[in-house]
């Protein structure tokens, strides 16, 4: 019985140590990364792998055939990462363009609804409207400026 417990403890310890090394804690890659950080990481890793292969080849650690094979493999990975980033940026650009167009449509619709006279707007907001000698409206509860034409300024403002 103590031998069985020792064996189970030993196996569980070995599993704890080997679990991260075996890559069992990662979700299986379904092709495309989940978010922008993953895309950026994939792109950076692919570029770094290309740099490492070039460096090893220049040092003489790789032969020509191995170098060409590794370089092609890592170039394909880098291109896939760049393409994924490009597609994501295009989708973001399209979403931004749609939102801008919606805001422009709203902006063009608003002036037609705001063409009501100022006294009606002021009445709807509950503020009294006073008129100046030149026919301008003073709203938001402010008094009409004196007949001199310019409103008085308070000191310190």
N, C-alpha and C. Protein backbone atom coordinates (compact mmCIF):
# COMPACT_ATOMS: atom_id res chain seq x y z
N UNK A 1 0.81 -1.19 0.00
CA UNK A 1 0.00 0.00 0.00
C UNK A 1 0.86 1.26 0.00
N UNK A 2 1.88 1.36 0.87
CA UNK A 2 2.72 2.56 0.82
C UNK A 2 3.47 2.68 -0.51
N UNK A 3 3.78 1.54 -1.12
CA UNK A 3 4.46 1.56 -2.41
C UNK A 3 3.54 2.14 -3.50
N UNK A 4 2.24 1.83 -3.43
CA UNK A 4 1.27 2.35 -4.39
C UNK A 4 1.11 3.85 -4.23
N UNK A 5 1.05 4.32 -3.00
CA UNK A 5 0.92 5.76 -2.73
C UNK A 5 2.17 6.49 -3.22
N UNK A 6 3.33 5.94 -3.00
CA UNK A 6 4.58 6.56 -3.47
C UNK A 6 4.62 6.61 -4.99
N UNK A 7 4.14 5.57 -5.64
CA UNK A 7 4.12 5.54 -7.11
C UNK A 7 3.16 6.58 -7.65
N UNK A 8 1.98 6.71 -7.03
CA UNK A 8 1.00 7.72 -7.48
C UNK A 8 1.53 9.14 -7.26
N UNK A 9 2.16 9.38 -6.13
CA UNK A 9 2.75 10.68 -5.87
C UNK A 9 3.87 11.00 -6.87
N UNK A 10 4.67 10.02 -7.16
CA UNK A 10 5.76 10.20 -8.12
C UNK A 10 5.22 10.50 -9.52
N UNK A 11 4.18 9.77 -9.94
CA UNK A 11 3.58 10.01 -11.25
C UNK A 11 2.91 11.39 -11.32
N UNK A 12 2.24 11.77 -10.25
CA UNK A 12 1.59 13.09 -10.27
C UNK A 12 2.64 14.20 -10.30
N UNK A 13 3.72 14.04 -9.59
CA UNK A 13 4.81 15.02 -9.64
C UNK A 13 5.42 15.10 -11.03
N UNK A 14 5.62 13.94 -11.64
CA UNK A 14 6.17 13.89 -13.00
C UNK A 14 5.21 14.55 -13.99
N UNK A 15 3.92 14.33 -13.83
CA UNK A 15 2.92 14.95 -14.70
C UNK A 15 2.93 16.47 -14.54
N UNK A 16 3.05 16.95 -13.31
CA UNK A 16 3.09 18.39 -13.06
C UNK A 16 4.30 19.02 -13.74
N UNK A 17 5.42 18.34 -13.72
CA UNK A 17 6.64 18.86 -14.33
C UNK A 17 6.56 18.81 -15.85
N UNK A 18 6.04 17.73 -16.39
CA UNK A 18 6.02 17.55 -17.85
C UNK A 18 4.84 18.23 -18.53
N UNK A 19 3.81 18.56 -17.81
CA UNK A 19 2.59 19.13 -18.40
C UNK A 19 2.89 20.38 -19.23
N UNK A 20 3.60 21.38 -18.72
CA UNK A 20 3.89 22.56 -19.56
C UNK A 20 4.83 22.24 -20.72
N UNK A 21 5.72 21.29 -20.52
CA UNK A 21 6.67 20.94 -21.57
C UNK A 21 6.00 20.23 -22.74
N UNK A 22 4.95 19.49 -22.47
CA UNK A 22 4.25 18.77 -23.52
C UNK A 22 3.30 19.66 -24.30
N UNK A 23 3.01 20.85 -23.79
CA UNK A 23 2.12 21.77 -24.48
C UNK A 23 0.66 21.41 -24.34
N UNK A 24 0.33 20.66 -23.31
CA UNK A 24 -1.05 20.25 -23.11
C UNK A 24 -1.92 21.39 -22.56
N UNK A 25 -1.29 22.42 -22.01
CA UNK A 25 -2.06 23.50 -21.41
C UNK A 25 -2.56 24.51 -22.44
N UNK A 26 -2.11 24.42 -23.68
CA UNK A 26 -2.54 25.34 -24.73
C UNK A 26 -3.74 24.78 -25.45
N UNK A 27 -4.58 25.71 -25.92
CA UNK A 27 -5.71 25.30 -26.74
C UNK A 27 -5.18 24.97 -28.13
N UNK A 28 -5.76 24.00 -28.79
CA UNK A 28 -5.28 23.66 -30.12
C UNK A 28 -5.46 24.84 -31.07
N UNK A 29 -4.47 25.10 -31.89
CA UNK A 29 -4.53 26.22 -32.83
C UNK A 29 -5.48 25.87 -33.95
N UNK A 30 -6.46 26.71 -34.15
CA UNK A 30 -7.45 26.48 -35.20
C UNK A 30 -7.12 27.30 -36.44
N UNK A 31 -5.89 27.75 -36.56
CA UNK A 31 -5.50 28.53 -37.73
C UNK A 31 -5.24 29.97 -37.37
N UNK A 32 -6.28 30.75 -37.24
CA UNK A 32 -6.13 32.18 -37.01
C UNK A 32 -6.01 32.49 -35.52
N UNK A 33 -5.19 33.44 -35.16
CA UNK A 33 -5.07 33.85 -33.76
C UNK A 33 -6.37 34.49 -33.28
N UNK A 34 -6.53 34.53 -31.94
CA UNK A 34 -7.77 35.02 -31.36
C UNK A 34 -7.89 36.53 -31.36
N UNK A 35 -6.84 37.25 -31.14
CA UNK A 35 -6.95 38.70 -31.07
C UNK A 35 -5.70 39.37 -31.64
N UNK A 36 -5.68 40.69 -31.55
CA UNK A 36 -4.59 41.46 -32.15
C UNK A 36 -3.24 41.15 -31.50
N UNK A 37 -3.26 40.92 -30.19
CA UNK A 37 -1.99 40.60 -29.52
C UNK A 37 -1.41 39.29 -30.02
N UNK A 38 -2.28 38.30 -30.24
CA UNK A 38 -1.80 37.03 -30.79
C UNK A 38 -1.25 37.22 -32.19
N UNK A 39 -1.94 38.03 -33.00
CA UNK A 39 -1.46 38.29 -34.36
C UNK A 39 -0.11 38.98 -34.33
N UNK A 40 0.03 39.96 -33.46
CA UNK A 40 1.30 40.68 -33.35
C UNK A 40 2.40 39.74 -32.88
N UNK A 41 2.06 38.86 -31.95
CA UNK A 41 3.06 37.91 -31.46
C UNK A 41 3.47 36.93 -32.54
N UNK A 42 2.50 36.44 -33.31
CA UNK A 42 2.83 35.52 -34.41
C UNK A 42 3.71 36.21 -35.44
N UNK A 43 3.38 37.45 -35.75
CA UNK A 43 4.19 38.20 -36.71
C UNK A 43 5.62 38.40 -36.19
N UNK A 44 5.74 38.79 -34.93
CA UNK A 44 7.06 39.03 -34.35
C UNK A 44 7.88 37.74 -34.31
N UNK A 45 7.24 36.64 -33.92
CA UNK A 45 7.94 35.36 -33.87
C UNK A 45 8.42 34.91 -35.25
N UNK A 46 7.59 35.12 -36.27
CA UNK A 46 7.99 34.73 -37.61
C UNK A 46 9.17 35.57 -38.10
N UNK A 47 9.11 36.87 -37.83
CA UNK A 47 10.23 37.73 -38.23
C UNK A 47 11.50 37.37 -37.46
N UNK A 48 11.37 37.07 -36.19
CA UNK A 48 12.53 36.71 -35.38
C UNK A 48 13.13 35.39 -35.87
N UNK A 49 12.29 34.45 -36.26
CA UNK A 49 12.78 33.18 -36.78
C UNK A 49 13.57 33.40 -38.08
N UNK A 50 13.06 34.31 -38.93
CA UNK A 50 13.80 34.63 -40.16
C UNK A 50 15.17 35.23 -39.84
N UNK A 51 15.20 36.14 -38.87
CA UNK A 51 16.48 36.75 -38.47
C UNK A 51 17.45 35.69 -37.94
N UNK A 52 16.92 34.79 -37.12
CA UNK A 52 17.77 33.74 -36.54
C UNK A 52 18.34 32.81 -37.62
N UNK A 53 17.50 32.45 -38.59
CA UNK A 53 17.97 31.58 -39.67
C UNK A 53 19.05 32.28 -40.48
N UNK A 54 18.82 33.55 -40.80
CA UNK A 54 19.84 34.31 -41.53
C UNK A 54 21.15 34.41 -40.75
N UNK A 55 21.02 34.66 -39.47
CA UNK A 55 22.20 34.78 -38.61
C UNK A 55 22.98 33.46 -38.57
N UNK A 56 22.24 32.36 -38.38
CA UNK A 56 22.90 31.05 -38.34
C UNK A 56 23.58 30.72 -39.66
N UNK A 57 22.95 31.09 -40.77
CA UNK A 57 23.54 30.83 -42.07
C UNK A 57 24.83 31.63 -42.26
N UNK A 58 24.79 32.90 -41.85
CA UNK A 58 25.99 33.74 -41.98
C UNK A 58 27.12 33.23 -41.10
N UNK A 59 26.78 32.68 -39.95
CA UNK A 59 27.81 32.13 -39.07
C UNK A 59 28.37 30.81 -39.60
N UNK A 60 27.67 30.20 -40.51
CA UNK A 60 28.13 28.92 -41.05
C UNK A 60 27.54 27.74 -40.32
N UNK A 61 26.54 27.95 -39.48
CA UNK A 61 25.92 26.86 -38.73
C UNK A 61 24.90 26.09 -39.57
N UNK A 62 24.45 26.66 -40.68
CA UNK A 62 23.47 26.00 -41.55
C UNK A 62 24.07 25.83 -42.95
N UNK A 63 23.74 24.72 -43.57
CA UNK A 63 24.15 24.52 -44.95
C UNK A 63 23.11 25.15 -45.88
N UNK A 64 23.47 25.30 -47.11
CA UNK A 64 22.62 26.00 -48.08
C UNK A 64 21.22 25.38 -48.19
N UNK A 65 21.14 24.07 -48.30
CA UNK A 65 19.83 23.40 -48.44
C UNK A 65 18.96 23.61 -47.22
N UNK A 66 19.52 23.43 -46.03
CA UNK A 66 18.76 23.64 -44.80
C UNK A 66 18.31 25.09 -44.67
N UNK A 67 19.23 25.99 -45.03
CA UNK A 67 18.92 27.42 -44.95
C UNK A 67 17.74 27.77 -45.86
N UNK A 68 17.75 27.30 -47.10
CA UNK A 68 16.68 27.60 -48.05
C UNK A 68 15.34 27.03 -47.56
N UNK A 69 15.38 25.82 -47.04
CA UNK A 69 14.15 25.19 -46.55
C UNK A 69 13.57 25.95 -45.35
N UNK A 70 14.43 26.26 -44.38
CA UNK A 70 13.96 26.99 -43.20
C UNK A 70 13.50 28.40 -43.56
N UNK A 71 14.24 29.04 -44.44
CA UNK A 71 13.88 30.40 -44.83
C UNK A 71 12.51 30.42 -45.51
N UNK A 72 12.25 29.48 -46.39
CA UNK A 72 10.96 29.43 -47.06
C UNK A 72 9.83 29.19 -46.05
N UNK A 73 10.07 28.26 -45.13
CA UNK A 73 9.05 27.95 -44.12
C UNK A 73 8.72 29.19 -43.27
N UNK A 74 9.75 29.89 -42.83
CA UNK A 74 9.52 31.05 -41.97
C UNK A 74 9.00 32.26 -42.75
N UNK A 75 9.34 32.35 -44.02
CA UNK A 75 8.76 33.41 -44.85
C UNK A 75 7.26 33.19 -45.02
N UNK A 76 6.86 31.95 -45.21
CA UNK A 76 5.43 31.65 -45.34
C UNK A 76 4.70 32.00 -44.05
N UNK A 77 5.28 31.68 -42.91
CA UNK A 77 4.67 32.04 -41.62
C UNK A 77 4.56 33.55 -41.46
N UNK A 78 5.62 34.24 -41.84
CA UNK A 78 5.61 35.70 -41.72
C UNK A 78 4.55 36.31 -42.65
N UNK A 79 4.46 35.77 -43.86
CA UNK A 79 3.45 36.28 -44.80
C UNK A 79 2.04 36.01 -44.30
N UNK A 80 1.81 34.85 -43.71
CA UNK A 80 0.49 34.56 -43.15
C UNK A 80 0.15 35.53 -42.02
N UNK A 81 1.14 35.81 -41.18
CA UNK A 81 0.91 36.75 -40.07
C UNK A 81 0.65 38.15 -40.60
N UNK A 82 1.40 38.57 -41.60
CA UNK A 82 1.19 39.89 -42.19
C UNK A 82 -0.18 39.98 -42.88
N UNK A 83 -0.55 38.91 -43.56
CA UNK A 83 -1.85 38.89 -44.23
C UNK A 83 -2.98 38.96 -43.21
N UNK A 84 -2.84 38.25 -42.10
CA UNK A 84 -3.87 38.28 -41.06
C UNK A 84 -4.00 39.69 -40.48
N UNK A 85 -2.86 40.35 -40.25
CA UNK A 85 -2.90 41.71 -39.74
C UNK A 85 -3.53 42.64 -40.76
N UNK A 86 -3.19 42.48 -42.03
CA UNK A 86 -3.74 43.32 -43.09
C UNK A 86 -5.25 43.15 -43.18
N UNK A 87 -5.74 41.92 -43.12
CA UNK A 87 -7.18 41.67 -43.18
C UNK A 87 -7.89 42.26 -41.98
N UNK A 88 -7.28 42.13 -40.81
CA UNK A 88 -7.88 42.70 -39.60
C UNK A 88 -7.95 44.22 -39.72
N UNK A 89 -6.88 44.84 -40.23
CA UNK A 89 -6.89 46.30 -40.38
C UNK A 89 -7.91 46.74 -41.42
N UNK A 90 -8.07 45.97 -42.48
CA UNK A 90 -9.10 46.30 -43.48
C UNK A 90 -10.49 46.23 -42.87
N UNK A 91 -10.73 45.21 -42.05
CA UNK A 91 -12.03 45.09 -41.40
C UNK A 91 -12.27 46.26 -40.45
N UNK A 92 -11.23 46.67 -39.72
CA UNK A 92 -11.36 47.82 -38.83
C UNK A 92 -11.61 49.10 -39.63
N UNK A 93 -10.90 49.27 -40.74
CA UNK A 93 -11.11 50.44 -41.59
C UNK A 93 -12.54 50.48 -42.12
N UNK A 94 -13.06 49.34 -42.52
CA UNK A 94 -14.43 49.28 -43.03
C UNK A 94 -15.43 49.65 -41.92
N UNK A 95 -15.20 49.16 -40.71
CA UNK A 95 -16.09 49.49 -39.60
C UNK A 95 -16.02 50.98 -39.28
N UNK A 96 -14.83 51.55 -39.32
CA UNK A 96 -14.68 52.99 -39.06
C UNK A 96 -15.38 53.79 -40.14
N UNK A 97 -15.22 53.39 -41.40
CA UNK A 97 -15.88 54.09 -42.49
C UNK A 97 -17.40 54.05 -42.35
N UNK A 98 -17.94 52.89 -41.95
CA UNK A 98 -19.38 52.78 -41.74
C UNK A 98 -19.86 53.71 -40.64
N UNK A 99 -19.11 53.76 -39.54
CA UNK A 99 -19.49 54.64 -38.43
C UNK A 99 -19.41 56.11 -38.83
N UNK A 100 -18.37 56.47 -39.59
CA UNK A 100 -18.25 57.85 -40.05
C UNK A 100 -19.40 58.21 -40.99
N UNK A 101 -19.74 57.32 -41.86
CA UNK A 101 -20.85 57.58 -42.78
C UNK A 101 -22.17 57.74 -42.02
N UNK A 102 -22.37 56.92 -41.00
CA UNK A 102 -23.59 57.05 -40.18
C UNK A 102 -23.60 58.39 -39.45
N UNK A 103 -22.45 58.82 -38.95
CA UNK A 103 -22.39 60.12 -38.28
C UNK A 103 -22.63 61.26 -39.26
N UNK A 104 -22.11 61.14 -40.47
CA UNK A 104 -22.35 62.17 -41.48
C UNK A 104 -23.83 62.25 -41.85
N UNK A 105 -24.48 61.09 -41.97
CA UNK A 105 -25.92 61.10 -42.28
C UNK A 105 -26.69 61.77 -41.16
N UNK A 106 -26.35 61.47 -39.92
CA UNK A 106 -27.02 62.09 -38.78
C UNK A 106 -26.79 63.59 -38.78
N UNK A 107 -25.57 64.01 -39.11
CA UNK A 107 -25.25 65.43 -39.11
C UNK A 107 -26.07 66.16 -40.16
N UNK A 108 -26.25 65.55 -41.32
CA UNK A 108 -27.02 66.18 -42.39
C UNK A 108 -28.51 66.18 -42.07
N UNK A 109 -28.98 65.26 -41.27
CA UNK A 109 -30.39 65.22 -40.89
C UNK A 109 -30.72 66.23 -39.81
N UNK A 110 -29.80 66.53 -38.92
CA UNK A 110 -30.05 67.42 -37.78
C UNK A 110 -30.40 68.85 -38.17
N UNK A 111 -29.69 69.52 -39.08
CA UNK A 111 -30.02 70.92 -39.36
C UNK A 111 -31.47 71.11 -39.77
N UNK A 112 -32.08 70.17 -40.43
CA UNK A 112 -33.48 70.29 -40.82
C UNK A 112 -34.37 70.30 -39.58
N UNK A 113 -34.05 69.53 -38.59
CA UNK A 113 -34.88 69.49 -37.39
C UNK A 113 -34.59 70.66 -36.46
N UNK A 114 -33.46 71.33 -36.62
CA UNK A 114 -33.12 72.47 -35.77
C UNK A 114 -33.54 73.80 -36.39
N UNK A 115 -34.25 73.77 -37.49
CA UNK A 115 -34.60 75.01 -38.16
C UNK A 115 -35.76 75.74 -37.48
N UNK A 116 -36.19 75.29 -36.31
CA UNK A 116 -37.26 75.95 -35.58
C UNK A 116 -36.75 77.27 -35.01
N UNK A 117 -37.62 78.23 -34.83
CA UNK A 117 -37.20 79.52 -34.27
C UNK A 117 -36.70 79.37 -32.84
N UNK A 118 -35.81 80.25 -32.45
CA UNK A 118 -35.20 80.20 -31.13
C UNK A 118 -36.20 80.31 -29.99
N UNK A 119 -37.25 81.14 -30.06
CA UNK A 119 -38.18 81.22 -28.94
C UNK A 119 -38.87 79.89 -28.65
N UNK A 120 -39.18 79.11 -29.69
CA UNK A 120 -39.82 77.82 -29.46
C UNK A 120 -38.86 76.86 -28.77
N UNK A 121 -37.60 76.88 -29.19
CA UNK A 121 -36.60 76.02 -28.56
C UNK A 121 -36.43 76.44 -27.12
N UNK A 122 -36.35 77.75 -26.89
CA UNK A 122 -36.18 78.23 -25.53
C UNK A 122 -37.40 77.89 -24.68
N UNK A 123 -38.57 77.97 -25.26
CA UNK A 123 -39.77 77.64 -24.51
C UNK A 123 -39.78 76.16 -24.15
N UNK A 124 -39.30 75.33 -25.05
CA UNK A 124 -39.27 73.89 -24.79
C UNK A 124 -38.29 73.55 -23.68
N UNK A 125 -37.23 74.35 -23.54
CA UNK A 125 -36.24 74.07 -22.51
C UNK A 125 -36.60 74.72 -21.19
N UNK A 126 -37.60 75.59 -21.18
CA UNK A 126 -38.02 76.21 -19.93
C UNK A 126 -37.28 77.49 -19.61
N UNK A 127 -36.49 78.01 -20.52
CA UNK A 127 -35.76 79.25 -20.30
C UNK A 127 -36.49 80.39 -20.99
N UNK A 128 -36.49 81.52 -20.35
CA UNK A 128 -37.09 82.68 -20.97
C UNK A 128 -36.15 83.24 -22.02
N UNK A 129 -36.73 83.82 -23.04
CA UNK A 129 -35.94 84.42 -24.10
C UNK A 129 -36.23 85.90 -24.14
N UNK A 130 -35.17 86.68 -24.04
CA UNK A 130 -35.30 88.12 -24.17
C UNK A 130 -34.67 88.51 -25.49
N UNK A 131 -35.17 89.55 -26.10
CA UNK A 131 -34.61 89.98 -27.37
C UNK A 131 -33.85 91.27 -27.18
N UNK A 132 -32.84 91.44 -27.98
CA UNK A 132 -32.03 92.66 -27.93
C UNK A 132 -32.61 93.68 -28.89
N UNK A 133 -32.03 94.85 -28.90
CA UNK A 133 -32.54 95.91 -29.77
C UNK A 133 -32.35 95.56 -31.25
N UNK A 134 -31.37 94.73 -31.56
CA UNK A 134 -31.17 94.36 -32.97
C UNK A 134 -31.87 93.05 -33.33
N UNK A 135 -32.73 92.55 -32.45
CA UNK A 135 -33.54 91.38 -32.77
C UNK A 135 -32.90 90.06 -32.39
N UNK A 136 -31.69 90.05 -31.82
CA UNK A 136 -31.06 88.79 -31.42
C UNK A 136 -31.73 88.28 -30.15
N UNK A 137 -31.70 86.98 -29.97
CA UNK A 137 -32.31 86.38 -28.78
C UNK A 137 -31.24 86.08 -27.76
N UNK A 138 -31.50 86.44 -26.50
CA UNK A 138 -30.62 86.07 -25.40
C UNK A 138 -31.32 84.94 -24.66
N UNK A 139 -30.71 83.76 -24.64
CA UNK A 139 -31.37 82.58 -24.08
C UNK A 139 -30.72 82.15 -22.78
N UNK A 140 -31.21 81.03 -22.26
CA UNK A 140 -30.70 80.38 -21.06
C UNK A 140 -30.82 81.26 -19.83
N UNK A 141 -31.87 82.07 -19.78
CA UNK A 141 -32.13 82.85 -18.59
C UNK A 141 -31.29 84.09 -18.46
N UNK A 142 -30.48 84.40 -19.44
CA UNK A 142 -29.67 85.61 -19.38
C UNK A 142 -30.49 86.79 -19.86
N UNK A 143 -30.19 87.92 -19.30
CA UNK A 143 -30.88 89.13 -19.72
C UNK A 143 -30.32 89.58 -21.06
N UNK A 144 -31.13 90.33 -21.76
CA UNK A 144 -30.68 90.88 -23.02
C UNK A 144 -29.59 91.90 -22.74
N UNK A 145 -28.58 91.99 -23.59
CA UNK A 145 -27.51 92.96 -23.36
C UNK A 145 -28.05 94.39 -23.47
N UNK A 146 -27.38 95.33 -22.85
CA UNK A 146 -27.85 96.72 -22.92
C UNK A 146 -27.89 97.20 -24.36
N UNK A 147 -28.57 98.29 -24.58
CA UNK A 147 -28.81 98.77 -25.94
C UNK A 147 -27.53 99.16 -26.66
N UNK A 148 -26.39 99.14 -26.00
CA UNK A 148 -25.11 99.47 -26.63
C UNK A 148 -24.71 98.44 -27.67
N UNK A 149 -25.33 97.29 -27.72
CA UNK A 149 -25.05 96.30 -28.73
C UNK A 149 -24.14 95.18 -28.26
N UNK A 150 -23.22 95.45 -27.36
CA UNK A 150 -22.31 94.43 -26.88
C UNK A 150 -22.71 94.02 -25.46
N UNK A 151 -22.66 92.76 -25.15
CA UNK A 151 -22.97 92.35 -23.77
C UNK A 151 -21.83 92.79 -22.85
N UNK A 152 -22.20 93.09 -21.62
CA UNK A 152 -21.19 93.47 -20.63
C UNK A 152 -20.43 92.24 -20.19
N UNK A 153 -19.16 92.42 -19.88
CA UNK A 153 -18.33 91.33 -19.37
C UNK A 153 -18.13 91.52 -17.89
N UNK A 154 -18.12 90.44 -17.19
CA UNK A 154 -17.84 90.52 -15.76
C UNK A 154 -16.35 90.63 -15.58
N UNK A 155 -15.97 91.26 -14.51
CA UNK A 155 -14.55 91.41 -14.23
C UNK A 155 -13.98 90.04 -13.85
N UNK A 156 -12.74 89.81 -14.30
CA UNK A 156 -12.06 88.55 -13.97
C UNK A 156 -12.42 87.40 -14.88
N UNK A 157 -13.19 87.65 -15.90
CA UNK A 157 -13.56 86.56 -16.81
C UNK A 157 -12.85 86.72 -18.12
